[in-house]
Amino acid sequence: MAGTSERTKQAMASLNKYLVDRKNGLIKLLTPAFDKSNLYPGYIKGYVPGVRENGGQYTHAAVWAMMAFAAMKDRKTVWELFSMTNPVNHALNNTEVQKYKVEPYVMAADVYGVAPHQGRGGWTWYTGSAGWTYQLALESILGLKREADKLFIRPCIPDEWEGFEINYRVGENTFYHFTVENKQKDGSVKFSVDGRELNDDFITLADDGVTHQVHVEV
């Protein structure tokens, strides 16, 4: 296990060093792009260099990389990369708007990675990218994970966050209002439901037509 952990850390360090383009706000799938080499990696060479899988950001893979950092509880890196690839942050000023050139309110399936189009958004309104990003935000960053009738909260949020709130519906008329406080520094999670403290690191959901108040310290 120790060897696996070390290899994982080395892979993450390489990704951070070679594939994360902070200047243009993207995470490349590979670098350099396939162009004039004799090697044939498959259909991705059919894209011009820097577009989609051929040396650009393929957003599915970028999200999976962030999920990996979250699994390692690297809160700082997760939030940096999530903020960097968030399309809203590609449109904070006119210069960025002219570079990105696509809608900043939807996830693009790809972002170009080679000059002269570095940082330009590609295929937008692509539900796969949006779905994976939603899963990243909800499960990997906010930490909500459901297993049958059990709901866990294991966040990977920045240290400076005081917390967050979530309204979660079960069935048609049952609601759980979560107030999450970022307090525990030892990695533990403490739950109380309707004022009653729990010994478990999860809550058991019930479709009972009642609105429950859940307090969580993480």
N, C-alpha and C. Protein backbone atom coordinates (compact mmCIF):
# COMPACT_ATOMS: atom_id res chain seq x y z
N MET A 1 0.82 -1.21 0.00
CA MET A 1 0.00 0.00 0.00
C MET A 1 0.85 1.25 0.00
N ALA A 2 1.98 1.19 0.73
CA ALA A 2 2.85 2.37 0.78
C ALA A 2 3.39 2.69 -0.60
N GLY A 3 3.76 1.63 -1.37
CA GLY A 3 4.27 1.85 -2.71
C GLY A 3 3.22 2.46 -3.62
N THR A 4 1.98 1.95 -3.49
CA THR A 4 0.88 2.48 -4.29
C THR A 4 0.65 3.95 -3.97
N SER A 5 0.68 4.27 -2.68
CA SER A 5 0.47 5.65 -2.27
C SER A 5 1.56 6.55 -2.83
N GLU A 6 2.80 6.09 -2.82
CA GLU A 6 3.90 6.89 -3.35
C GLU A 6 3.76 7.08 -4.85
N ARG A 7 3.37 6.03 -5.57
CA ARG A 7 3.17 6.15 -7.01
C ARG A 7 2.05 7.13 -7.33
N THR A 8 1.01 7.09 -6.51
CA THR A 8 -0.10 8.02 -6.70
C THR A 8 0.37 9.45 -6.53
N LYS A 9 1.16 9.69 -5.50
CA LYS A 9 1.66 11.04 -5.25
C LYS A 9 2.56 11.50 -6.40
N GLN A 10 3.36 10.59 -6.93
CA GLN A 10 4.23 10.94 -8.05
C GLN A 10 3.41 11.28 -9.29
N ALA A 11 2.35 10.51 -9.53
CA ALA A 11 1.49 10.78 -10.69
C ALA A 11 0.81 12.13 -10.54
N MET A 12 0.35 12.44 -9.33
CA MET A 12 -0.29 13.72 -9.09
C MET A 12 0.68 14.87 -9.27
N ALA A 13 1.92 14.68 -8.83
CA ALA A 13 2.92 15.72 -8.99
C ALA A 13 3.21 15.97 -10.46
N SER A 14 3.25 14.90 -11.26
CA SER A 14 3.49 15.05 -12.70
C SER A 14 2.33 15.77 -13.38
N LEU A 15 1.10 15.41 -12.98
CA LEU A 15 -0.06 16.10 -13.55
C LEU A 15 0.01 17.59 -13.25
N ASN A 16 0.31 17.90 -12.00
CA ASN A 16 0.39 19.30 -11.59
C ASN A 16 1.48 20.05 -12.34
N LYS A 17 2.57 19.37 -12.63
CA LYS A 17 3.72 20.02 -13.26
C LYS A 17 3.55 20.19 -14.76
N TYR A 18 3.02 19.16 -15.43
CA TYR A 18 3.02 19.16 -16.90
C TYR A 18 1.66 19.45 -17.53
N LEU A 19 0.57 19.11 -16.87
CA LEU A 19 -0.74 19.16 -17.52
C LEU A 19 -1.61 20.32 -17.06
N VAL A 20 -1.31 20.88 -15.90
CA VAL A 20 -2.10 22.00 -15.40
C VAL A 20 -1.56 23.31 -15.96
N ASP A 21 -2.37 23.96 -16.77
CA ASP A 21 -2.00 25.24 -17.40
C ASP A 21 -2.74 26.35 -16.65
N ARG A 22 -2.09 26.88 -15.63
CA ARG A 22 -2.75 27.90 -14.80
C ARG A 22 -2.93 29.21 -15.54
N LYS A 23 -2.05 29.52 -16.44
CA LYS A 23 -2.15 30.77 -17.17
C LYS A 23 -3.43 30.84 -17.99
N ASN A 24 -3.81 29.72 -18.60
CA ASN A 24 -5.00 29.69 -19.45
C ASN A 24 -6.18 28.99 -18.80
N GLY A 25 -6.00 28.52 -17.56
CA GLY A 25 -7.11 27.96 -16.80
C GLY A 25 -7.63 26.65 -17.32
N LEU A 26 -6.74 25.69 -17.60
CA LEU A 26 -7.20 24.39 -18.09
C LEU A 26 -6.28 23.27 -17.63
N ILE A 27 -6.79 22.06 -17.70
CA ILE A 27 -6.03 20.86 -17.36
C ILE A 27 -5.97 20.00 -18.61
N LYS A 28 -4.80 19.86 -19.20
CA LYS A 28 -4.66 19.13 -20.46
C LYS A 28 -4.77 17.62 -20.24
N LEU A 29 -5.29 16.96 -21.26
CA LEU A 29 -5.35 15.50 -21.20
C LEU A 29 -3.97 14.90 -21.40
N LEU A 30 -3.18 15.48 -22.30
CA LEU A 30 -1.82 15.03 -22.56
C LEU A 30 -1.02 16.19 -23.15
N THR A 31 0.28 16.07 -23.10
CA THR A 31 1.15 17.08 -23.69
C THR A 31 2.49 16.44 -24.04
N PRO A 32 3.12 16.81 -25.16
CA PRO A 32 2.62 17.75 -26.17
C PRO A 32 1.57 17.07 -27.05
N ALA A 33 0.87 17.90 -27.81
CA ALA A 33 -0.15 17.36 -28.72
C ALA A 33 0.50 16.57 -29.84
N PHE A 34 -0.20 15.54 -30.34
CA PHE A 34 0.28 14.78 -31.49
C PHE A 34 0.14 15.64 -32.74
N ASP A 35 1.22 15.76 -33.51
CA ASP A 35 1.19 16.61 -34.68
C ASP A 35 1.92 15.95 -35.83
N LYS A 36 3.26 15.99 -35.81
CA LYS A 36 4.05 15.52 -36.95
C LYS A 36 4.75 14.19 -36.67
N SER A 37 4.47 13.56 -35.55
CA SER A 37 5.17 12.31 -35.22
C SER A 37 4.68 11.17 -36.11
N ASN A 38 5.52 10.12 -36.21
CA ASN A 38 5.15 8.93 -36.97
C ASN A 38 4.22 8.02 -36.17
N LEU A 39 4.17 8.24 -34.87
CA LEU A 39 3.32 7.41 -34.02
C LEU A 39 1.85 7.73 -34.30
N TYR A 40 1.02 6.69 -34.26
CA TYR A 40 -0.41 6.89 -34.47
C TYR A 40 -1.17 6.45 -33.22
N PRO A 41 -1.62 7.41 -32.42
CA PRO A 41 -2.29 7.07 -31.16
C PRO A 41 -3.77 6.74 -31.33
N GLY A 42 -4.26 6.77 -32.55
CA GLY A 42 -5.67 6.53 -32.77
C GLY A 42 -6.37 7.77 -33.28
N TYR A 43 -7.69 7.79 -33.11
CA TYR A 43 -8.48 8.84 -33.75
C TYR A 43 -8.17 10.23 -33.22
N ILE A 44 -7.61 10.34 -31.99
CA ILE A 44 -7.40 11.68 -31.45
C ILE A 44 -6.44 12.50 -32.30
N LYS A 45 -5.58 11.83 -33.10
CA LYS A 45 -4.67 12.57 -33.96
C LYS A 45 -5.42 13.25 -35.10
N GLY A 46 -6.67 12.88 -35.29
CA GLY A 46 -7.48 13.53 -36.31
C GLY A 46 -7.87 14.95 -35.92
N TYR A 47 -7.82 15.26 -34.62
CA TYR A 47 -8.06 16.63 -34.17
C TYR A 47 -6.78 17.44 -34.37
N VAL A 48 -6.95 18.72 -34.69
CA VAL A 48 -5.77 19.57 -34.81
C VAL A 48 -5.12 19.69 -33.44
N PRO A 49 -3.81 19.93 -33.37
CA PRO A 49 -3.11 20.00 -32.08
C PRO A 49 -3.76 21.00 -31.12
N GLY A 50 -4.00 20.53 -29.92
CA GLY A 50 -4.56 21.39 -28.88
C GLY A 50 -6.06 21.35 -28.75
N VAL A 51 -6.73 20.58 -29.61
CA VAL A 51 -8.19 20.52 -29.58
C VAL A 51 -8.65 19.18 -29.02
N ARG A 52 -9.60 19.24 -28.13
CA ARG A 52 -10.19 18.07 -27.47
C ARG A 52 -9.10 17.13 -26.93
N GLU A 53 -9.20 15.85 -27.21
CA GLU A 53 -8.25 14.91 -26.59
C GLU A 53 -6.81 15.12 -27.05
N ASN A 54 -6.60 15.78 -28.15
CA ASN A 54 -5.25 15.94 -28.69
C ASN A 54 -4.56 17.18 -28.10
N GLY A 55 -4.26 17.10 -26.81
CA GLY A 55 -3.49 18.16 -26.18
C GLY A 55 -4.28 19.30 -25.61
N GLY A 56 -5.62 19.19 -25.62
CA GLY A 56 -6.44 20.21 -24.97
C GLY A 56 -7.00 19.68 -23.66
N GLN A 57 -7.87 20.45 -23.05
CA GLN A 57 -8.57 19.95 -21.87
C GLN A 57 -9.77 19.13 -22.32
N TYR A 58 -9.77 17.87 -21.96
CA TYR A 58 -10.96 17.04 -22.15
C TYR A 58 -11.61 17.01 -20.77
N THR A 59 -12.72 17.70 -20.62
CA THR A 59 -13.22 18.05 -19.29
C THR A 59 -13.55 16.84 -18.44
N HIS A 60 -14.01 15.75 -19.05
CA HIS A 60 -14.25 14.54 -18.27
C HIS A 60 -12.99 14.18 -17.47
N ALA A 61 -11.87 14.11 -18.16
CA ALA A 61 -10.62 13.70 -17.51
C ALA A 61 -10.15 14.73 -16.49
N ALA A 62 -10.36 16.01 -16.79
CA ALA A 62 -10.00 17.06 -15.83
C ALA A 62 -10.77 16.90 -14.53
N VAL A 63 -12.07 16.57 -14.64
CA VAL A 63 -12.89 16.35 -13.45
C VAL A 63 -12.41 15.13 -12.69
N TRP A 64 -12.07 14.06 -13.41
CA TRP A 64 -11.59 12.85 -12.74
C TRP A 64 -10.29 13.13 -11.98
N ALA A 65 -9.44 13.98 -12.53
CA ALA A 65 -8.20 14.35 -11.83
C ALA A 65 -8.53 15.07 -10.53
N MET A 66 -9.50 15.99 -10.57
CA MET A 66 -9.89 16.69 -9.35
C MET A 66 -10.51 15.74 -8.33
N MET A 67 -11.27 14.77 -8.82
CA MET A 67 -11.83 13.76 -7.91
C MET A 67 -10.71 12.98 -7.22
N ALA A 68 -9.63 12.72 -7.95
CA ALA A 68 -8.50 11.99 -7.37
C ALA A 68 -7.84 12.81 -6.27
N PHE A 69 -7.66 14.11 -6.52
CA PHE A 69 -7.10 14.97 -5.47
C PHE A 69 -8.02 15.01 -4.26
N ALA A 70 -9.35 15.02 -4.51
CA ALA A 70 -10.29 15.03 -3.40
C ALA A 70 -10.20 13.74 -2.60
N ALA A 71 -10.04 12.61 -3.30
CA ALA A 71 -9.90 11.33 -2.61
C ALA A 71 -8.66 11.30 -1.72
N MET A 72 -7.64 12.07 -2.11
CA MET A 72 -6.42 12.18 -1.30
C MET A 72 -6.54 13.27 -0.23
N LYS A 73 -7.71 13.93 -0.17
CA LYS A 73 -7.98 15.00 0.79
C LYS A 73 -7.03 16.18 0.63
N ASP A 74 -6.64 16.43 -0.61
CA ASP A 74 -5.79 17.59 -0.91
C ASP A 74 -6.71 18.78 -1.16
N ARG A 75 -7.20 19.38 -0.08
CA ARG A 75 -8.22 20.41 -0.17
C ARG A 75 -7.75 21.62 -0.97
N LYS A 76 -6.51 22.02 -0.75
CA LYS A 76 -5.99 23.21 -1.42
C LYS A 76 -5.96 23.04 -2.93
N THR A 77 -5.45 21.90 -3.40
CA THR A 77 -5.35 21.65 -4.84
C THR A 77 -6.72 21.49 -5.47
N VAL A 78 -7.63 20.78 -4.80
CA VAL A 78 -8.97 20.58 -5.33
C VAL A 78 -9.64 21.92 -5.59
N TRP A 79 -9.59 22.81 -4.60
CA TRP A 79 -10.29 24.08 -4.75
C TRP A 79 -9.61 24.97 -5.78
N GLU A 80 -8.29 24.93 -5.84
CA GLU A 80 -7.57 25.71 -6.85
C GLU A 80 -7.97 25.27 -8.25
N LEU A 81 -7.95 23.95 -8.50
CA LEU A 81 -8.26 23.46 -9.84
C LEU A 81 -9.74 23.64 -10.18
N PHE A 82 -10.61 23.44 -9.21
CA PHE A 82 -12.04 23.63 -9.46
C PHE A 82 -12.33 25.09 -9.80
N SER A 83 -11.73 26.01 -9.06
CA SER A 83 -11.92 27.44 -9.34
C SER A 83 -11.34 27.80 -10.71
N MET A 84 -10.21 27.21 -11.04
CA MET A 84 -9.54 27.52 -12.30
C MET A 84 -10.36 27.06 -13.50
N THR A 85 -10.98 25.91 -13.42
CA THR A 85 -11.73 25.36 -14.55
C THR A 85 -13.20 25.76 -14.56
N ASN A 86 -13.65 26.41 -13.49
CA ASN A 86 -15.03 26.90 -13.42
C ASN A 86 -15.25 27.90 -14.55
N PRO A 87 -16.22 27.66 -15.45
CA PRO A 87 -16.39 28.55 -16.60
C PRO A 87 -16.68 29.99 -16.21
N VAL A 88 -17.31 30.22 -15.07
CA VAL A 88 -17.59 31.58 -14.63
C VAL A 88 -16.29 32.38 -14.52
N ASN A 89 -15.24 31.71 -14.07
CA ASN A 89 -13.96 32.40 -13.88
C ASN A 89 -13.19 32.60 -15.18
N HIS A 90 -13.76 32.16 -16.28
CA HIS A 90 -13.18 32.46 -17.60
C HIS A 90 -13.80 33.73 -18.20
N ALA A 91 -14.67 34.39 -17.44
CA ALA A 91 -15.37 35.55 -17.99
C ALA A 91 -15.43 36.69 -16.97
N LEU A 92 -14.37 36.86 -16.21
CA LEU A 92 -14.36 37.89 -15.17
C LEU A 92 -14.03 39.28 -15.71
N ASN A 93 -13.45 39.32 -16.90
CA ASN A 93 -13.15 40.61 -17.53
C ASN A 93 -13.18 40.43 -19.04
N ASN A 94 -13.10 41.53 -19.77
CA ASN A 94 -13.25 41.47 -21.22
C ASN A 94 -12.14 40.66 -21.88
N THR A 95 -10.93 40.75 -21.34
CA THR A 95 -9.81 39.99 -21.92
C THR A 95 -10.07 38.49 -21.84
N GLU A 96 -10.56 38.03 -20.70
CA GLU A 96 -10.86 36.61 -20.54
C GLU A 96 -12.04 36.19 -21.42
N VAL A 97 -13.03 37.06 -21.54
CA VAL A 97 -14.19 36.76 -22.40
C VAL A 97 -13.74 36.56 -23.84
N GLN A 98 -12.85 37.43 -24.32
CA GLN A 98 -12.39 37.34 -25.69
C GLN A 98 -11.52 36.11 -25.92
N LYS A 99 -10.88 35.64 -24.88
CA LYS A 99 -10.08 34.42 -24.99
C LYS A 99 -10.98 33.18 -24.98
N TYR A 100 -11.93 33.12 -24.05
CA TYR A 100 -12.75 31.93 -23.85
C TYR A 100 -13.79 31.77 -24.97
N LYS A 101 -14.47 32.85 -25.34
CA LYS A 101 -15.35 32.94 -26.51
C LYS A 101 -16.63 32.11 -26.47
N VAL A 102 -16.89 31.38 -25.39
CA VAL A 102 -18.14 30.61 -25.32
C VAL A 102 -18.87 30.94 -24.03
N GLU A 103 -20.05 30.34 -23.85
CA GLU A 103 -20.89 30.67 -22.69
C GLU A 103 -20.17 30.33 -21.38
N PRO A 104 -20.14 31.28 -20.44
CA PRO A 104 -19.47 31.02 -19.16
C PRO A 104 -20.38 30.39 -18.12
N TYR A 105 -21.60 30.05 -18.49
CA TYR A 105 -22.56 29.51 -17.53
C TYR A 105 -22.87 28.03 -17.78
N VAL A 106 -22.13 27.39 -18.67
CA VAL A 106 -22.25 25.94 -18.89
C VAL A 106 -20.84 25.36 -18.99
N MET A 107 -20.72 24.07 -18.72
CA MET A 107 -19.41 23.42 -18.84
C MET A 107 -19.12 23.10 -20.31
N ALA A 108 -17.93 23.42 -20.73
CA ALA A 108 -17.48 23.04 -22.08
C ALA A 108 -16.85 21.66 -22.02
N ALA A 109 -17.12 20.85 -23.02
CA ALA A 109 -16.53 19.51 -23.06
C ALA A 109 -15.02 19.57 -23.25
N ASP A 110 -14.53 20.67 -23.85
CA ASP A 110 -13.10 20.79 -24.07
C ASP A 110 -12.71 22.26 -24.09
N VAL A 111 -11.44 22.51 -23.77
CA VAL A 111 -10.85 23.84 -23.84
C VAL A 111 -9.53 23.68 -24.58
N TYR A 112 -9.29 24.53 -25.57
CA TYR A 112 -8.12 24.37 -26.44
C TYR A 112 -6.83 24.65 -25.67
N GLY A 113 -5.79 23.88 -26.03
CA GLY A 113 -4.56 23.94 -25.25
C GLY A 113 -3.31 24.35 -26.00
N VAL A 114 -3.40 24.71 -27.27
CA VAL A 114 -2.21 25.05 -28.06
C VAL A 114 -2.46 26.40 -28.75
N ALA A 115 -1.40 27.22 -28.83
CA ALA A 115 -1.49 28.51 -29.51
C ALA A 115 -1.91 28.32 -30.97
N PRO A 116 -2.67 29.23 -31.54
CA PRO A 116 -3.04 30.55 -31.01
C PRO A 116 -4.38 30.57 -30.29
N HIS A 117 -4.93 29.40 -29.93
CA HIS A 117 -6.27 29.36 -29.34
C HIS A 117 -6.25 28.87 -27.89
N GLN A 118 -5.15 29.00 -27.19
CA GLN A 118 -5.06 28.54 -25.81
C GLN A 118 -6.13 29.21 -24.95
N GLY A 119 -6.84 28.39 -24.20
CA GLY A 119 -7.86 28.91 -23.30
C GLY A 119 -9.22 29.13 -23.93
N ARG A 120 -9.38 28.79 -25.20
CA ARG A 120 -10.67 28.96 -25.87
C ARG A 120 -11.57 27.75 -25.61
N GLY A 121 -12.80 28.02 -25.24
CA GLY A 121 -13.74 26.95 -25.00
C GLY A 121 -14.18 26.28 -26.28
N GLY A 122 -14.51 25.00 -26.19
CA GLY A 122 -14.91 24.24 -27.37
C GLY A 122 -16.38 23.91 -27.37
N TRP A 123 -16.70 22.63 -27.22
CA TRP A 123 -18.05 22.12 -27.36
C TRP A 123 -18.83 22.36 -26.05
N THR A 124 -19.73 23.34 -26.06
CA THR A 124 -20.52 23.63 -24.86
C THR A 124 -21.85 22.91 -24.90
N TRP A 125 -22.59 23.04 -23.79
CA TRP A 125 -23.89 22.38 -23.62
C TRP A 125 -23.75 20.86 -23.77
N TYR A 126 -22.64 20.33 -23.29
CA TYR A 126 -22.37 18.90 -23.37
C TYR A 126 -22.71 18.30 -22.01
N THR A 127 -23.76 17.50 -21.95
CA THR A 127 -24.29 17.07 -20.66
C THR A 127 -23.33 16.18 -19.89
N GLY A 128 -22.46 15.44 -20.59
CA GLY A 128 -21.52 14.58 -19.88
C GLY A 128 -20.59 15.38 -18.99
N SER A 129 -20.03 16.46 -19.52
CA SER A 129 -19.14 17.31 -18.73
C SER A 129 -19.88 17.93 -17.56
N ALA A 130 -21.10 18.41 -17.81
CA ALA A 130 -21.89 19.02 -16.75
C ALA A 130 -22.21 18.01 -15.66
N GLY A 131 -22.58 16.79 -16.07
CA GLY A 131 -22.92 15.76 -15.09
C GLY A 131 -21.76 15.37 -14.21
N TRP A 132 -20.59 15.21 -14.80
CA TRP A 132 -19.41 14.86 -14.01
C TRP A 132 -19.01 16.02 -13.08
N THR A 133 -19.15 17.26 -13.55
CA THR A 133 -18.82 18.40 -12.71
C THR A 133 -19.78 18.51 -11.54
N TYR A 134 -21.05 18.24 -11.79
CA TYR A 134 -22.05 18.23 -10.71
C TYR A 134 -21.68 17.17 -9.67
N GLN A 135 -21.29 16.00 -10.13
CA GLN A 135 -20.91 14.93 -9.20
C GLN A 135 -19.66 15.32 -8.42
N LEU A 136 -18.71 15.97 -9.08
CA LEU A 136 -17.50 16.44 -8.40
C LEU A 136 -17.86 17.42 -7.28
N ALA A 137 -18.70 18.40 -7.60
CA ALA A 137 -19.05 19.42 -6.62
C ALA A 137 -19.83 18.84 -5.45
N LEU A 138 -20.82 17.99 -5.76
CA LEU A 138 -21.71 17.48 -4.71
C LEU A 138 -21.06 16.37 -3.88
N GLU A 139 -20.42 15.42 -4.54
CA GLU A 139 -19.90 14.25 -3.82
C GLU A 139 -18.45 14.42 -3.36
N SER A 140 -17.59 14.94 -4.24
CA SER A 140 -16.18 15.00 -3.89
C SER A 140 -15.82 16.23 -3.06
N ILE A 141 -16.45 17.38 -3.35
CA ILE A 141 -16.12 18.60 -2.62
C ILE A 141 -17.03 18.78 -1.40
N LEU A 142 -18.34 18.80 -1.60
CA LEU A 142 -19.25 18.91 -0.46
C LEU A 142 -19.35 17.60 0.31
N GLY A 143 -19.05 16.49 -0.34
CA GLY A 143 -18.91 15.22 0.36
C GLY A 143 -20.17 14.44 0.60
N LEU A 144 -21.28 14.76 -0.08
CA LEU A 144 -22.52 14.02 0.10
C LEU A 144 -22.47 12.71 -0.67
N LYS A 145 -22.63 11.60 0.04
CA LYS A 145 -22.66 10.29 -0.62
C LYS A 145 -23.75 9.44 0.04
N ARG A 146 -24.62 8.91 -0.84
CA ARG A 146 -25.71 8.09 -0.33
C ARG A 146 -25.47 6.63 -0.67
N GLU A 147 -25.67 5.76 0.31
CA GLU A 147 -25.60 4.32 0.12
C GLU A 147 -26.88 3.73 0.70
N ALA A 148 -27.79 3.35 -0.20
CA ALA A 148 -29.12 2.86 0.21
C ALA A 148 -29.79 3.94 1.06
N ASP A 149 -30.12 3.64 2.33
CA ASP A 149 -30.78 4.65 3.17
C ASP A 149 -29.80 5.40 4.06
N LYS A 150 -28.51 5.22 3.85
CA LYS A 150 -27.49 5.91 4.65
C LYS A 150 -26.92 7.09 3.87
N LEU A 151 -26.77 8.23 4.53
CA LEU A 151 -26.20 9.41 3.89
C LEU A 151 -24.96 9.85 4.68
N PHE A 152 -23.84 9.91 3.96
CA PHE A 152 -22.57 10.31 4.55
C PHE A 152 -22.23 11.72 4.09
N ILE A 153 -21.51 12.47 4.90
CA ILE A 153 -20.95 13.76 4.50
C ILE A 153 -19.47 13.76 4.86
N ARG A 154 -18.64 13.75 3.82
CA ARG A 154 -17.18 13.72 4.01
C ARG A 154 -16.57 14.78 3.10
N PRO A 155 -16.68 16.04 3.49
CA PRO A 155 -16.28 17.13 2.59
C PRO A 155 -14.78 17.23 2.35
N CYS A 156 -14.46 17.89 1.25
CA CYS A 156 -13.08 18.26 0.95
C CYS A 156 -13.12 19.74 0.56
N ILE A 157 -13.42 20.57 1.55
CA ILE A 157 -13.62 21.99 1.32
C ILE A 157 -12.41 22.77 1.82
N PRO A 158 -12.23 24.00 1.34
CA PRO A 158 -11.09 24.81 1.79
C PRO A 158 -11.14 25.07 3.29
N ASP A 159 -9.98 25.20 3.90
CA ASP A 159 -9.91 25.46 5.34
C ASP A 159 -10.61 26.75 5.72
N GLU A 160 -10.58 27.75 4.82
CA GLU A 160 -11.16 29.05 5.17
C GLU A 160 -12.68 29.06 5.13
N TRP A 161 -13.31 28.01 4.58
CA TRP A 161 -14.77 27.95 4.59
C TRP A 161 -15.25 27.75 6.03
N GLU A 162 -16.25 28.51 6.44
CA GLU A 162 -16.86 28.29 7.74
C GLU A 162 -17.84 27.12 7.70
N GLY A 163 -18.35 26.83 6.52
CA GLY A 163 -19.29 25.73 6.37
C GLY A 163 -20.20 25.96 5.18
N PHE A 164 -21.31 25.21 5.13
CA PHE A 164 -22.28 25.37 4.04
C PHE A 164 -23.59 24.73 4.48
N GLU A 165 -24.64 24.97 3.69
CA GLU A 165 -25.95 24.40 3.98
C GLU A 165 -26.48 23.67 2.75
N ILE A 166 -27.23 22.61 2.99
CA ILE A 166 -27.82 21.81 1.91
C ILE A 166 -29.24 21.44 2.30
N ASN A 167 -30.15 21.58 1.36
CA ASN A 167 -31.51 21.03 1.52
C ASN A 167 -31.62 19.77 0.68
N TYR A 168 -31.96 18.66 1.32
CA TYR A 168 -31.98 17.36 0.65
C TYR A 168 -33.37 16.76 0.79
N ARG A 169 -33.97 16.39 -0.34
CA ARG A 169 -35.31 15.82 -0.31
C ARG A 169 -35.26 14.31 -0.41
N VAL A 170 -36.10 13.67 0.37
CA VAL A 170 -36.27 12.22 0.30
C VAL A 170 -37.73 11.95 -0.03
N GLY A 171 -37.98 11.22 -1.11
CA GLY A 171 -39.36 10.98 -1.52
C GLY A 171 -40.01 12.27 -1.97
N GLU A 172 -41.29 12.42 -1.69
CA GLU A 172 -42.04 13.59 -2.14
C GLU A 172 -42.07 14.72 -1.12
N ASN A 173 -42.19 14.37 0.16
CA ASN A 173 -42.49 15.40 1.16
C ASN A 173 -41.57 15.38 2.37
N THR A 174 -40.46 14.68 2.30
CA THR A 174 -39.52 14.66 3.42
C THR A 174 -38.28 15.47 3.06
N PHE A 175 -37.88 16.36 3.97
CA PHE A 175 -36.72 17.21 3.70
C PHE A 175 -35.73 17.14 4.86
N TYR A 176 -34.46 17.12 4.51
CA TYR A 176 -33.38 17.20 5.50
C TYR A 176 -32.61 18.48 5.23
N HIS A 177 -32.59 19.37 6.21
CA HIS A 177 -31.84 20.62 6.08
C HIS A 177 -30.52 20.45 6.84
N PHE A 178 -29.42 20.42 6.08
CA PHE A 178 -28.10 20.22 6.67
C PHE A 178 -27.41 21.57 6.89
N THR A 179 -26.93 21.77 8.08
CA THR A 179 -26.03 22.88 8.39
C THR A 179 -24.68 22.27 8.74
N VAL A 180 -23.70 22.50 7.88
CA VAL A 180 -22.39 21.88 8.02
C VAL A 180 -21.39 22.93 8.50
N GLU A 181 -20.72 22.65 9.61
CA GLU A 181 -19.70 23.53 10.16
C GLU A 181 -18.33 22.92 9.96
N ASN A 182 -17.40 23.73 9.49
CA ASN A 182 -16.03 23.29 9.24
C ASN A 182 -15.21 23.54 10.51
N LYS A 183 -15.33 22.63 11.48
CA LYS A 183 -14.72 22.85 12.79
C LYS A 183 -13.66 21.81 13.15
N GLN A 184 -13.98 20.54 12.91
CA GLN A 184 -13.09 19.48 13.37
C GLN A 184 -11.81 19.46 12.55
N LYS A 185 -10.66 19.41 13.21
CA LYS A 185 -9.38 19.39 12.52
C LYS A 185 -8.74 18.00 12.53
N ASP A 186 -9.44 17.02 13.10
CA ASP A 186 -8.88 15.68 13.18
C ASP A 186 -9.49 14.73 12.16
N GLY A 187 -10.29 15.27 11.22
CA GLY A 187 -10.88 14.45 10.18
C GLY A 187 -12.17 13.76 10.58
N SER A 188 -12.67 14.00 11.80
CA SER A 188 -13.88 13.32 12.25
C SER A 188 -15.13 14.05 11.78
N VAL A 189 -16.25 13.34 11.86
CA VAL A 189 -17.55 13.90 11.49
C VAL A 189 -18.52 13.61 12.63
N LYS A 190 -19.25 14.64 13.06
CA LYS A 190 -20.22 14.47 14.13
C LYS A 190 -21.59 14.93 13.63
N PHE A 191 -22.59 14.08 13.83
CA PHE A 191 -23.96 14.37 13.39
C PHE A 191 -24.89 14.57 14.58
N SER A 192 -25.84 15.47 14.42
CA SER A 192 -27.00 15.51 15.31
C SER A 192 -28.22 15.75 14.43
N VAL A 193 -29.29 15.01 14.70
CA VAL A 193 -30.53 15.11 13.93
C VAL A 193 -31.65 15.54 14.86
N ASP A 194 -32.26 16.67 14.55
CA ASP A 194 -33.34 17.23 15.37
C ASP A 194 -32.91 17.34 16.83
N GLY A 195 -31.66 17.76 17.03
CA GLY A 195 -31.13 17.98 18.37
C GLY A 195 -30.58 16.75 19.06
N ARG A 196 -30.67 15.60 18.42
CA ARG A 196 -30.19 14.35 19.04
C ARG A 196 -28.86 13.95 18.42
N GLU A 197 -27.82 13.86 19.25
CA GLU A 197 -26.49 13.49 18.76
C GLU A 197 -26.43 12.02 18.38
N LEU A 198 -25.71 11.73 17.29
CA LEU A 198 -25.55 10.37 16.81
C LEU A 198 -24.13 9.89 17.05
N ASN A 199 -23.98 8.59 17.20
CA ASN A 199 -22.65 7.99 17.35
C ASN A 199 -22.07 7.55 16.02
N ASP A 200 -22.91 7.48 14.99
CA ASP A 200 -22.46 7.02 13.68
C ASP A 200 -21.93 8.19 12.86
N ASP A 201 -21.15 7.85 11.80
CA ASP A 201 -20.64 8.90 10.90
C ASP A 201 -21.54 9.04 9.68
N PHE A 202 -22.82 8.71 9.84
CA PHE A 202 -23.82 8.86 8.78
C PHE A 202 -25.17 9.05 9.45
N ILE A 203 -26.17 9.44 8.65
CA ILE A 203 -27.54 9.45 9.15
C ILE A 203 -28.34 8.45 8.34
N THR A 204 -29.37 7.91 8.95
CA THR A 204 -30.27 7.00 8.26
C THR A 204 -31.50 7.78 7.81
N LEU A 205 -31.71 7.78 6.51
CA LEU A 205 -32.81 8.56 5.94
C LEU A 205 -34.14 7.83 6.11
N ALA A 206 -35.18 8.60 6.34
CA ALA A 206 -36.52 8.04 6.45
C ALA A 206 -37.50 8.92 5.69
N ASP A 207 -38.32 8.31 4.86
CA ASP A 207 -39.34 9.05 4.10
C ASP A 207 -40.59 9.13 4.97
N ASP A 208 -40.57 10.07 5.94
CA ASP A 208 -41.66 10.14 6.91
C ASP A 208 -42.49 11.41 6.81
N GLY A 209 -42.27 12.21 5.75
CA GLY A 209 -43.06 13.41 5.56
C GLY A 209 -42.75 14.54 6.49
N VAL A 210 -41.61 14.48 7.17
CA VAL A 210 -41.22 15.48 8.15
C VAL A 210 -39.99 16.24 7.64
N THR A 211 -39.83 17.51 8.04
CA THR A 211 -38.63 18.27 7.77
C THR A 211 -37.67 18.13 8.95
N HIS A 212 -36.47 17.58 8.70
CA HIS A 212 -35.51 17.34 9.76
C HIS A 212 -34.38 18.35 9.70
N GLN A 213 -33.88 18.72 10.86
CA GLN A 213 -32.73 19.62 10.97
C GLN A 213 -31.51 18.80 11.36
N VAL A 214 -30.51 18.85 10.49
CA VAL A 214 -29.29 18.06 10.71
C VAL A 214 -28.11 19.01 10.88
N HIS A 215 -27.41 18.85 11.98
CA HIS A 215 -26.20 19.65 12.23
C HIS A 215 -25.00 18.74 12.11
N VAL A 216 -24.01 19.21 11.36
CA VAL A 216 -22.83 18.39 11.10
C VAL A 216 -21.58 19.20 11.40
N GLU A 217 -20.67 18.61 12.16
CA GLU A 217 -19.35 19.20 12.39
C GLU A 217 -18.32 18.34 11.68
N VAL A 218 -17.54 18.95 10.80
CA VAL A 218 -16.54 18.18 10.05
C VAL A 218 -15.19 18.84 10.19
